[in-house]
Amino acid sequence: MTRRPPRRRRPRAASGGPRGTRRAFLAAGAGLVGLAAARGSGAYTAASLDRGSTLPVASDAAGVLGLDVAPSVAAGAESRLVTVTNRAGRPVAVTVTLAEAVGTLSNDAGTLASGDSLVVAVEVSCDDAPAAVAFTVEATAAGGFSAVATRRASVDAAGCAPPAARPSFAALEIGDTSTARRGGRARYDVGYVVDDPSGSFDRVEVTFANRGRSETETAASAAAVDTLSFEQPGQRFGDTYRITVRLFDASGEVESARVEVTDDADGGGVVFDSS
């Protein structure tokens, strides 16, 4: 009977050999992929942390550096452009710059402690207002941390159009005709003329408030020329009144036309005259 020679077994590779190194590398790679997936897609164009290693950065709202970008900014006024929040767990220096000279930034740089935010505003001129404002956020910190993001916000130029003409008071007079006789009556007359170039006038409202007695009455008129009167008997002569005149059109109160007068009801005659 012929005996077969015994088989030679290959020595197993040591744990520190090539096969062990490859497994460790694959495991490490899987861990990095899992970390990146858990934190979401990169919110920054470029980012690094410590000796150039890749920094997984989540979406703008929940990222290591959160970016709350305004959906639009108003031309002709200062508007919030972006709020940068530091979630990196260390102080971060932040700078915001415009991609083109289409406006002026304010509060555009600062060093943020962990958890702090920087609110950056921009003022865009109505002259040749762009369709959008593009800007760059740069952040750096100790340990090799750096990040750069480019974002944009649309520009709303509706406020740049000449405002539609609104009604105003062409004339307004408030007279105190109070008398100590006949029970000490408090009496006021408010006469007015409304200038209404756009035809949008709605009404005039006058509020009479007795400041010492917490009594308030309101009179209103839809006539463009009228006089609204107020009379209160019962020893109100000498009481202090706050008189507020408001002008309304189809879109609401014309606040620039509002008139407020404080007066003692003593029959002193004209207490306000717009002329």
C-alpha atoms as a PDB file:
ATOM      1  CA  MET A   1       0.000   0.000   0.000  1.00  0.00           C
ATOM      2  CA  THR A   2       1.495   3.340  -1.090  1.00  0.00           C
ATOM      3  CA  ARG A   3       1.486   6.097   1.453  1.00  0.00           C
ATOM      4  CA  ARG A   4       0.881   9.692   0.361  1.00  0.00           C
ATOM      5  CA  PRO A   5       3.306  12.273   1.621  1.00  0.00           C
ATOM      6  CA  PRO A   6       1.829  14.574   4.278  1.00  0.00           C
ATOM      7  CA  ARG A   7       0.423  17.943   3.050  1.00  0.00           C
ATOM      8  CA  ARG A   8       2.290  21.024   3.963  1.00  0.00           C
ATOM      9  CA  ARG A   9       0.225  23.718   5.601  1.00  0.00           C
ATOM     10  CA  ARG A  10       0.894  27.342   4.772  1.00  0.00           C
ATOM     11  CA  PRO A  11       1.791  29.440   7.805  1.00  0.00           C
ATOM     12  CA  ARG A  12      -0.932  31.885   8.740  1.00  0.00           C
ATOM     13  CA  ALA A  13      -0.153  35.529   8.272  1.00  0.00           C
ATOM     14  CA  ALA A  14       0.545  37.357  11.499  1.00  0.00           C
ATOM     15  CA  SER A  15      -2.110  39.784  12.637  1.00  0.00           C
ATOM     16  CA  GLY A  16       0.204  42.633  11.791  1.00  0.00           C
ATOM     17  CA  GLY A  17       0.923  41.296   8.281  1.00  0.00           C
ATOM     18  CA  PRO A  18      -0.572  42.398   4.949  1.00  0.00           C
ATOM     19  CA  ARG A  19      -3.961  40.678   5.378  1.00  0.00           C
ATOM     20  CA  GLY A  20      -4.486  42.148   8.850  1.00  0.00           C
ATOM     21  CA  THR A  21      -3.501  45.587   7.605  1.00  0.00           C
ATOM     22  CA  ARG A  22      -5.977  45.377   4.725  1.00  0.00           C
ATOM     23  CA  ARG A  23      -8.841  44.360   7.059  1.00  0.00           C
ATOM     24  CA  ALA A  24      -8.026  47.184   9.416  1.00  0.00           C
ATOM     25  CA  PHE A  25      -7.969  49.611   6.499  1.00  0.00           C
ATOM     26  CA  LEU A  26     -11.349  48.435   5.227  1.00  0.00           C
ATOM     27  CA  ALA A  27     -12.849  48.699   8.700  1.00  0.00           C
ATOM     28  CA  ALA A  28     -11.513  52.207   9.118  1.00  0.00           C
ATOM     29  CA  GLY A  29     -12.843  53.181   5.694  1.00  0.00           C
ATOM     30  CA  ALA A  30     -16.287  51.856   6.562  1.00  0.00           C
ATOM     31  CA  GLY A  31     -16.253  53.905   9.750  1.00  0.00           C
ATOM     32  CA  LEU A  32     -15.443  57.109   7.850  1.00  0.00           C
ATOM     33  CA  VAL A  33     -18.200  56.421   5.315  1.00  0.00           C
ATOM     34  CA  GLY A  34     -20.679  55.818   8.142  1.00  0.00           C
ATOM     35  CA  LEU A  35     -19.677  59.068   9.839  1.00  0.00           C
ATOM     36  CA  ALA A  36     -20.110  61.024   6.635  1.00  0.00           C
ATOM     37  CA  ALA A  37     -23.496  59.428   5.958  1.00  0.00           C
ATOM     38  CA  ALA A  38     -24.693  60.148   9.492  1.00  0.00           C
ATOM     39  CA  ARG A  39     -23.810  63.814   9.217  1.00  0.00           C
ATOM     40  CA  GLY A  40     -25.283  64.397   5.790  1.00  0.00           C
ATOM     41  CA  SER A  41     -23.900  65.926   2.613  1.00  0.00           C
ATOM     42  CA  GLY A  42     -21.174  68.558   2.686  1.00  0.00           C
ATOM     43  CA  ALA A  43     -22.525  72.040   3.251  1.00  0.00           C
ATOM     44  CA  TYR A  44     -19.172  73.600   2.454  1.00  0.00           C
ATOM     45  CA  THR A  45     -17.354  73.816  -0.843  1.00  0.00           C
ATOM     46  CA  ALA A  46     -14.154  72.787   0.967  1.00  0.00           C
ATOM     47  CA  ALA A  47     -13.398  71.845   4.556  1.00  0.00           C
ATOM     48  CA  SER A  48     -10.565  70.255   6.529  1.00  0.00           C
ATOM     49  CA  LEU A  49      -9.776  69.484  10.152  1.00  0.00           C
ATOM     50  CA  ASP A  50      -6.419  68.609  11.772  1.00  0.00           C
ATOM     51  CA  ARG A  51      -3.498  67.747   9.497  1.00  0.00           C
ATOM     52  CA  GLY A  52      -5.661  68.020   6.392  1.00  0.00           C
ATOM     53  CA  SER A  53      -8.056  65.179   7.240  1.00  0.00           C
ATOM     54  CA  THR A  54     -11.517  65.364   5.687  1.00  0.00           C
ATOM     55  CA  LEU A  55     -14.220  67.053   7.788  1.00  0.00           C
ATOM     56  CA  PRO A  56     -17.753  65.704   7.248  1.00  0.00           C
ATOM     57  CA  VAL A  57     -20.041  68.750   7.391  1.00  0.00           C
ATOM     58  CA  ALA A  58     -23.823  68.405   7.571  1.00  0.00           C
ATOM     59  CA  SER A  59     -26.477  70.525   5.899  1.00  0.00           C
ATOM     60  CA  ASP A  60     -26.467  74.299   6.311  1.00  0.00           C
ATOM     61  CA  ALA A  61     -29.040  74.272   9.120  1.00  0.00           C
ATOM     62  CA  ALA A  62     -27.357  71.587  11.260  1.00  0.00           C
ATOM     63  CA  GLY A  63     -23.746  71.650  10.124  1.00  0.00           C
ATOM     64  CA  VAL A  64     -20.591  71.985  12.172  1.00  0.00           C
ATOM     65  CA  LEU A  65     -20.872  75.599  11.040  1.00  0.00           C
ATOM     66  CA  GLY A  66     -24.562  76.338  10.506  1.00  0.00           C
ATOM     67  CA  LEU A  67     -25.600  78.753   7.759  1.00  0.00           C
ATOM     68  CA  ASP A  68     -29.042  80.365   7.865  1.00  0.00           C
ATOM     69  CA  VAL A  69     -29.203  82.180   4.517  1.00  0.00           C
ATOM     70  CA  ALA A  70     -31.975  84.727   3.953  1.00  0.00           C
ATOM     71  CA  PRO A  71     -34.185  83.664   1.028  1.00  0.00           C
ATOM     72  CA  SER A  72     -34.078  87.239  -0.281  1.00  0.00           C
ATOM     73  CA  VAL A  73     -32.809  90.709   0.588  1.00  0.00           C
ATOM     74  CA  ALA A  74     -34.514  94.025  -0.160  1.00  0.00           C
ATOM     75  CA  ALA A  75     -32.873  96.540  -2.464  1.00  0.00           C
ATOM     76  CA  GLY A  76     -32.800 100.073  -1.129  1.00  0.00           C
ATOM     77  CA  ALA A  77     -32.529  98.966   2.509  1.00  0.00           C
ATOM     78  CA  GLU A  78     -30.291  97.003   4.855  1.00  0.00           C
ATOM     79  CA  SER A  79     -31.382  93.353   5.193  1.00  0.00           C
ATOM     80  CA  ARG A  80     -30.111  90.269   6.982  1.00  0.00           C
ATOM     81  CA  LEU A  81     -28.068  88.181   4.563  1.00  0.00           C
ATOM     82  CA  VAL A  82     -26.833  85.202   6.589  1.00  0.00           C
ATOM     83  CA  THR A  83     -26.477  83.993  10.171  1.00  0.00           C
ATOM     84  CA  VAL A  84     -23.375  81.888  10.807  1.00  0.00           C
ATOM     85  CA  THR A  85     -23.449  79.650  13.929  1.00  0.00           C
ATOM     86  CA  ASN A  86     -20.355  77.965  15.349  1.00  0.00           C
ATOM     87  CA  ARG A  87     -20.968  74.317  16.261  1.00  0.00           C
ATOM     88  CA  ALA A  88     -17.337  73.222  15.887  1.00  0.00           C
ATOM     89  CA  GLY A  89     -16.671  72.980  19.626  1.00  0.00           C
ATOM     90  CA  ARG A  90     -13.833  75.517  19.473  1.00  0.00           C
ATOM     91  CA  PRO A  91     -13.473  79.275  18.729  1.00  0.00           C
ATOM     92  CA  VAL A  92     -13.793  79.949  14.997  1.00  0.00           C
ATOM     93  CA  ALA A  93     -12.828  83.080  13.029  1.00  0.00           C
ATOM     94  CA  VAL A  94     -15.473  83.852  10.380  1.00  0.00           C
ATOM     95  CA  THR A  95     -15.314  86.272   7.449  1.00  0.00           C
ATOM     96  CA  VAL A  96     -18.071  86.939   4.893  1.00  0.00           C
ATOM     97  CA  THR A  97     -17.317  88.610   1.550  1.00  0.00           C
ATOM     98  CA  LEU A  98     -19.387  89.486  -1.514  1.00  0.00           C
ATOM     99  CA  ALA A  99     -18.518  87.777  -4.773  1.00  0.00           C
ATOM    100  CA  GLU A 100     -19.151  91.055  -6.618  1.00  0.00           C
ATOM    101  CA  ALA A 101     -19.351  94.700  -5.533  1.00  0.00           C
ATOM    102  CA  VAL A 102     -23.161  94.834  -5.609  1.00  0.00           C
ATOM    103  CA  GLY A 103     -23.711  96.022  -2.031  1.00  0.00           C
ATOM    104  CA  THR A 104     -22.203  96.845   1.347  1.00  0.00           C
ATOM    105  CA  LEU A 105     -21.846  94.330   4.168  1.00  0.00           C
ATOM    106  CA  SER A 106     -22.068  95.115   7.876  1.00  0.00           C
ATOM    107  CA  ASN A 107     -20.891  92.944  10.799  1.00  0.00           C
ATOM    108  CA  ASP A 108     -19.108  90.773   8.235  1.00  0.00           C
ATOM    109  CA  ALA A 109     -16.324  89.306  10.407  1.00  0.00           C
ATOM    110  CA  GLY A 110     -15.738  88.067  13.932  1.00  0.00           C
ATOM    111  CA  THR A 111     -14.408  85.298  16.162  1.00  0.00           C
ATOM    112  CA  LEU A 112     -17.205  83.099  17.475  1.00  0.00           C
ATOM    113  CA  ALA A 113     -17.086  81.045  20.633  1.00  0.00           C
ATOM    114  CA  SER A 114     -18.707  77.619  20.447  1.00  0.00           C
ATOM    115  CA  GLY A 115     -22.469  78.094  20.105  1.00  0.00           C
ATOM    116  CA  ASP A 116     -22.259  81.788  19.172  1.00  0.00           C
ATOM    117  CA  SER A 117     -23.674  83.302  15.963  1.00  0.00           C
ATOM    118  CA  LEU A 118     -22.706  86.123  13.610  1.00  0.00           C
ATOM    119  CA  VAL A 119     -25.562  87.975  11.884  1.00  0.00           C
ATOM    120  CA  VAL A 120     -24.373  89.591   8.654  1.00  0.00           C
ATOM    121  CA  ALA A 121     -26.436  92.255   6.870  1.00  0.00           C
ATOM    122  CA  VAL A 122     -26.167  93.673   3.363  1.00  0.00           C
ATOM    123  CA  GLU A 123     -27.383  96.920   1.805  1.00  0.00           C
ATOM    124  CA  VAL A 124     -28.069  96.777  -1.931  1.00  0.00           C
ATOM    125  CA  SER A 125     -28.629  99.976  -3.895  1.00  0.00           C
ATOM    126  CA  CYS A 126     -31.725 100.390  -6.029  1.00  0.00           C
ATOM    127  CA  ASP A 127     -29.472 101.610  -8.840  1.00  0.00           C
ATOM    128  CA  ASP A 128     -28.866  98.598 -11.106  1.00  0.00           C
ATOM    129  CA  ALA A 129     -29.990  96.176  -8.405  1.00  0.00           C
ATOM    130  CA  PRO A 130     -28.821  92.622  -9.264  1.00  0.00           C
ATOM    131  CA  ALA A 131     -31.090  89.596  -9.399  1.00  0.00           C
ATOM    132  CA  ALA A 132     -29.121  87.943  -6.595  1.00  0.00           C
ATOM    133  CA  VAL A 133     -26.254  88.513  -4.160  1.00  0.00           C
ATOM    134  CA  ALA A 134     -23.539  85.845  -4.098  1.00  0.00           C
ATOM    135  CA  PHE A 135     -21.242  85.666  -1.075  1.00  0.00           C
ATOM    136  CA  THR A 136     -18.547  83.510   0.475  1.00  0.00           C
ATOM    137  CA  VAL A 137     -18.231  82.384   4.104  1.00  0.00           C
ATOM    138  CA  GLU A 138     -14.704  81.523   5.257  1.00  0.00           C
ATOM    139  CA  ALA A 139     -13.984  79.984   8.665  1.00  0.00           C
ATOM    140  CA  THR A 140     -10.717  79.032  10.345  1.00  0.00           C
ATOM    141  CA  ALA A 141      -9.727  77.725  13.777  1.00  0.00           C
ATOM    142  CA  ALA A 142      -6.805  76.208  15.658  1.00  0.00           C
ATOM    143  CA  GLY A 143      -5.831  72.634  14.823  1.00  0.00           C
ATOM    144  CA  GLY A 144      -5.990  73.100  11.077  1.00  0.00           C
ATOM    145  CA  PHE A 145      -9.758  73.673  10.855  1.00  0.00           C
ATOM    146  CA  SER A 146     -10.838  75.552   7.723  1.00  0.00           C
ATOM    147  CA  ALA A 147     -14.034  75.801   5.714  1.00  0.00           C
ATOM    148  CA  VAL A 148     -15.263  77.783   2.713  1.00  0.00           C
ATOM    149  CA  ALA A 149     -18.846  78.040   1.481  1.00  0.00           C
ATOM    150  CA  THR A 150     -20.427  80.012  -1.364  1.00  0.00           C
ATOM    151  CA  ARG A 151     -24.115  80.880  -1.177  1.00  0.00           C
ATOM    152  CA  ARG A 152     -26.540  83.357  -2.775  1.00  0.00           C
ATOM    153  CA  ALA A 153     -29.726  85.218  -1.884  1.00  0.00           C
ATOM    154  CA  SER A 154     -32.171  86.711  -4.362  1.00  0.00           C
ATOM    155  CA  VAL A 155     -32.769  90.468  -4.431  1.00  0.00           C
ATOM    156  CA  ASP A 156     -36.274  91.932  -4.094  1.00  0.00           C
ATOM    157  CA  ALA A 157     -36.325  95.310  -5.840  1.00  0.00           C
ATOM    158  CA  ALA A 158     -40.068  95.940  -5.444  1.00  0.00           C
ATOM    159  CA  GLY A 159     -39.393  98.644  -2.875  1.00  0.00           C
ATOM    160  CA  CYS A 160     -37.343 100.587  -5.402  1.00  0.00           C
ATOM    161  CA  ALA A 161     -40.425 101.565  -7.427  1.00  0.00           C
ATOM    162  CA  PRO A 162     -41.805 105.033  -6.657  1.00  0.00           C
ATOM    163  CA  PRO A 163     -44.468 104.620  -3.955  1.00  0.00           C
ATOM    164  CA  ALA A 164     -48.042 105.205  -5.009  1.00  0.00           C
ATOM    165  CA  ALA A 165     -49.418 108.541  -3.908  1.00  0.00           C
ATOM    166  CA  ARG A 166     -51.442 108.303  -0.691  1.00  0.00           C
ATOM    167  CA  PRO A 167     -53.962 110.763   0.716  1.00  0.00           C
ATOM    168  CA  SER A 168     -52.894 113.408   3.213  1.00  0.00           C
ATOM    169  CA  PHE A 169     -54.396 116.274   5.179  1.00  0.00           C
ATOM    170  CA  ALA A 170     -54.503 119.451   3.136  1.00  0.00           C
ATOM    171  CA  ALA A 171     -55.847 121.200   6.237  1.00  0.00           C
ATOM    172  CA  LEU A 172     -56.456 120.096   9.819  1.00  0.00           C
ATOM    173  CA  GLU A 173     -57.609 122.164  12.802  1.00  0.00           C
ATOM    174  CA  ILE A 174     -58.483 121.083  16.343  1.00  0.00           C
ATOM    175  CA  GLY A 175     -60.408 123.576  18.445  1.00  0.00           C
ATOM    176  CA  ASP A 176     -61.234 123.524  22.181  1.00  0.00           C
ATOM    177  CA  THR A 177     -64.714 125.018  22.764  1.00  0.00           C
ATOM    178  CA  SER A 178     -65.191 123.636  26.286  1.00  0.00           C
ATOM    179  CA  THR A 179     -67.162 125.698  28.811  1.00  0.00           C
ATOM    180  CA  ALA A 180     -67.461 125.774  32.594  1.00  0.00           C
ATOM    181  CA  ARG A 181     -71.168 126.595  32.296  1.00  0.00           C
ATOM    182  CA  ARG A 182     -73.967 124.110  31.735  1.00  0.00           C
ATOM    183  CA  GLY A 183     -72.417 121.359  33.841  1.00  0.00           C
ATOM    184  CA  GLY A 184     -68.794 121.993  32.907  1.00  0.00           C
ATOM    185  CA  ARG A 185     -68.789 120.438  29.441  1.00  0.00           C
ATOM    186  CA  ALA A 186     -65.683 119.383  27.524  1.00  0.00           C
ATOM    187  CA  ARG A 187     -66.056 120.022  23.776  1.00  0.00           C
ATOM    188  CA  TYR A 188     -63.696 119.717  20.804  1.00  0.00           C
ATOM    189  CA  ASP A 189     -64.173 120.242  17.062  1.00  0.00           C
ATOM    190  CA  VAL A 190     -61.842 118.624  14.500  1.00  0.00           C
ATOM    191  CA  GLY A 191     -62.161 120.116  11.024  1.00  0.00           C
ATOM    192  CA  TYR A 192     -60.182 118.721   8.079  1.00  0.00           C
ATOM    193  CA  VAL A 193     -59.727 118.672   4.308  1.00  0.00           C
ATOM    194  CA  VAL A 194     -58.196 115.568   2.691  1.00  0.00           C
ATOM    195  CA  ASP A 195     -55.963 115.761  -0.388  1.00  0.00           C
ATOM    196  CA  ASP A 196     -56.604 112.511  -2.288  1.00  0.00           C
ATOM    197  CA  PRO A 197     -54.625 112.418  -5.590  1.00  0.00           C
ATOM    198  CA  SER A 198     -54.952 108.643  -6.055  1.00  0.00           C
ATOM    199  CA  GLY A 199     -58.632 108.363  -5.129  1.00  0.00           C
ATOM    200  CA  SER A 200     -57.823 105.821  -2.402  1.00  0.00           C
ATOM    201  CA  PHE A 201     -59.154 107.762   0.613  1.00  0.00           C
ATOM    202  CA  ASP A 202     -61.249 105.645   2.982  1.00  0.00           C
ATOM    203  CA  ARG A 203     -61.990 107.535   6.219  1.00  0.00           C
ATOM    204  CA  VAL A 204     -60.814 109.772   9.055  1.00  0.00           C
ATOM    205  CA  GLU A 205     -61.001 108.571  12.665  1.00  0.00           C
ATOM    206  CA  VAL A 206     -60.625 110.757  15.758  1.00  0.00           C
ATOM    207  CA  THR A 207     -60.193 109.307  19.254  1.00  0.00           C
ATOM    208  CA  PHE A 208     -60.877 111.437  22.351  1.00  0.00           C
ATOM    209  CA  ALA A 209     -59.383 109.938  25.515  1.00  0.00           C
ATOM    210  CA  ASN A 210     -59.943 111.467  28.972  1.00  0.00           C
ATOM    211  CA  ARG A 211     -56.601 110.616  30.572  1.00  0.00           C
ATOM    212  CA  GLY A 212     -57.713 111.151  34.146  1.00  0.00           C
ATOM    213  CA  ARG A 213     -60.949 109.112  33.937  1.00  0.00           C
ATOM    214  CA  SER A 214     -59.988 106.331  31.478  1.00  0.00           C
ATOM    215  CA  GLU A 215     -62.856 107.335  29.154  1.00  0.00           C
ATOM    216  CA  THR A 216     -62.459 106.986  25.385  1.00  0.00           C
ATOM    217  CA  GLU A 217     -64.751 107.862  22.477  1.00  0.00           C
ATOM    218  CA  THR A 218     -64.150 107.577  18.734  1.00  0.00           C
ATOM    219  CA  ALA A 219     -65.772 109.474  15.858  1.00  0.00           C
ATOM    220  CA  ALA A 220     -65.282 108.688  12.157  1.00  0.00           C
ATOM    221  CA  SER A 221     -66.206 110.122   8.759  1.00  0.00           C
ATOM    222  CA  ALA A 222     -65.836 108.910   5.162  1.00  0.00           C
ATOM    223  CA  ALA A 223     -66.200 112.460   3.791  1.00  0.00           C
ATOM    224  CA  ALA A 224     -63.067 114.108   2.389  1.00  0.00           C
ATOM    225  CA  VAL A 225     -64.125 117.435   3.949  1.00  0.00           C
ATOM    226  CA  ASP A 226     -65.837 117.341   7.341  1.00  0.00           C
ATOM    227  CA  THR A 227     -65.834 118.358  11.011  1.00  0.00           C
ATOM    228  CA  LEU A 228     -65.949 115.769  13.769  1.00  0.00           C
ATOM    229  CA  SER A 229     -67.133 117.001  17.171  1.00  0.00           C
ATOM    230  CA  PHE A 230     -66.886 115.611  20.667  1.00  0.00           C
ATOM    231  CA  GLU A 231     -68.825 116.753  23.736  1.00  0.00           C
ATOM    232  CA  GLN A 232     -68.849 115.301  27.259  1.00  0.00           C
ATOM    233  CA  PRO A 233     -70.845 116.853  30.130  1.00  0.00           C
ATOM    234  CA  GLY A 234     -70.603 116.151  33.854  1.00  0.00           C
ATOM    235  CA  GLN A 235     -67.856 118.406  35.211  1.00  0.00           C
ATOM    236  CA  ARG A 236     -65.314 117.450  32.520  1.00  0.00           C
ATOM    237  CA  PHE A 237     -64.207 121.060  32.144  1.00  0.00           C
ATOM    238  CA  GLY A 238     -60.478 121.232  32.950  1.00  0.00           C
ATOM    239  CA  ASP A 239     -59.893 117.511  32.380  1.00  0.00           C
ATOM    240  CA  THR A 240     -56.917 116.481  30.236  1.00  0.00           C
ATOM    241  CA  TYR A 241     -57.671 114.854  26.876  1.00  0.00           C
ATOM    242  CA  ARG A 242     -55.520 113.003  24.377  1.00  0.00           C
ATOM    243  CA  ILE A 243     -56.843 113.605  20.848  1.00  0.00           C
ATOM    244  CA  THR A 244     -55.598 111.324  18.062  1.00  0.00           C
ATOM    245  CA  VAL A 245     -56.489 111.957  14.403  1.00  0.00           C
ATOM    246  CA  ARG A 246     -55.917 109.096  11.933  1.00  0.00           C
ATOM    247  CA  LEU A 247     -56.254 109.034   8.151  1.00  0.00           C
ATOM    248  CA  PHE A 248     -56.969 105.764   6.291  1.00  0.00           C
ATOM    249  CA  ASP A 249     -56.893 104.709   2.651  1.00  0.00           C
ATOM    250  CA  ALA A 250     -57.637 101.380   0.966  1.00  0.00           C
ATOM    251  CA  SER A 251     -54.356  99.841   2.176  1.00  0.00           C
ATOM    252  CA  GLY A 252     -54.654 100.938   5.814  1.00  0.00           C
ATOM    253  CA  GLU A 253     -53.611 103.863   7.996  1.00  0.00           C
ATOM    254  CA  VAL A 254     -51.425 106.568   6.497  1.00  0.00           C
ATOM    255  CA  GLU A 255     -49.210 106.739   9.547  1.00  0.00           C
ATOM    256  CA  SER A 256     -47.304 109.804   8.367  1.00  0.00           C
ATOM    257  CA  ALA A 257     -50.581 111.760   8.557  1.00  0.00           C
ATOM    258  CA  ARG A 258     -51.350 110.853  12.178  1.00  0.00           C
ATOM    259  CA  VAL A 259     -51.679 113.772  14.615  1.00  0.00           C
ATOM    260  CA  GLU A 260     -51.735 113.451  18.419  1.00  0.00           C
ATOM    261  CA  VAL A 261     -52.492 116.367  20.747  1.00  0.00           C
ATOM    262  CA  THR A 262     -52.778 116.538  24.552  1.00  0.00           C
ATOM    263  CA  ASP A 263     -54.894 119.423  25.876  1.00  0.00           C
ATOM    264  CA  ASP A 264     -56.740 120.610  28.996  1.00  0.00           C
ATOM    265  CA  ALA A 265     -60.438 121.162  28.207  1.00  0.00           C
ATOM    266  CA  ASP A 266     -60.501 124.843  29.229  1.00  0.00           C
ATOM    267  CA  GLY A 267     -62.051 126.488  26.159  1.00  0.00           C
ATOM    268  CA  GLY A 268     -58.697 127.806  24.951  1.00  0.00           C
ATOM    269  CA  GLY A 269     -59.620 127.830  21.256  1.00  0.00           C
ATOM    270  CA  VAL A 270     -57.339 126.419  18.528  1.00  0.00           C
ATOM    271  CA  VAL A 271     -54.956 123.819  19.939  1.00  0.00           C
ATOM    272  CA  PHE A 272     -53.666 122.517  16.575  1.00  0.00           C
ATOM    273  CA  ASP A 273     -53.572 124.050  13.077  1.00  0.00           C
ATOM    274  CA  SER A 274     -51.697 122.350  10.249  1.00  0.00           C
ATOM    275  CA  SER A 275     -51.426 125.595   8.315  1.00  0.00           C
END
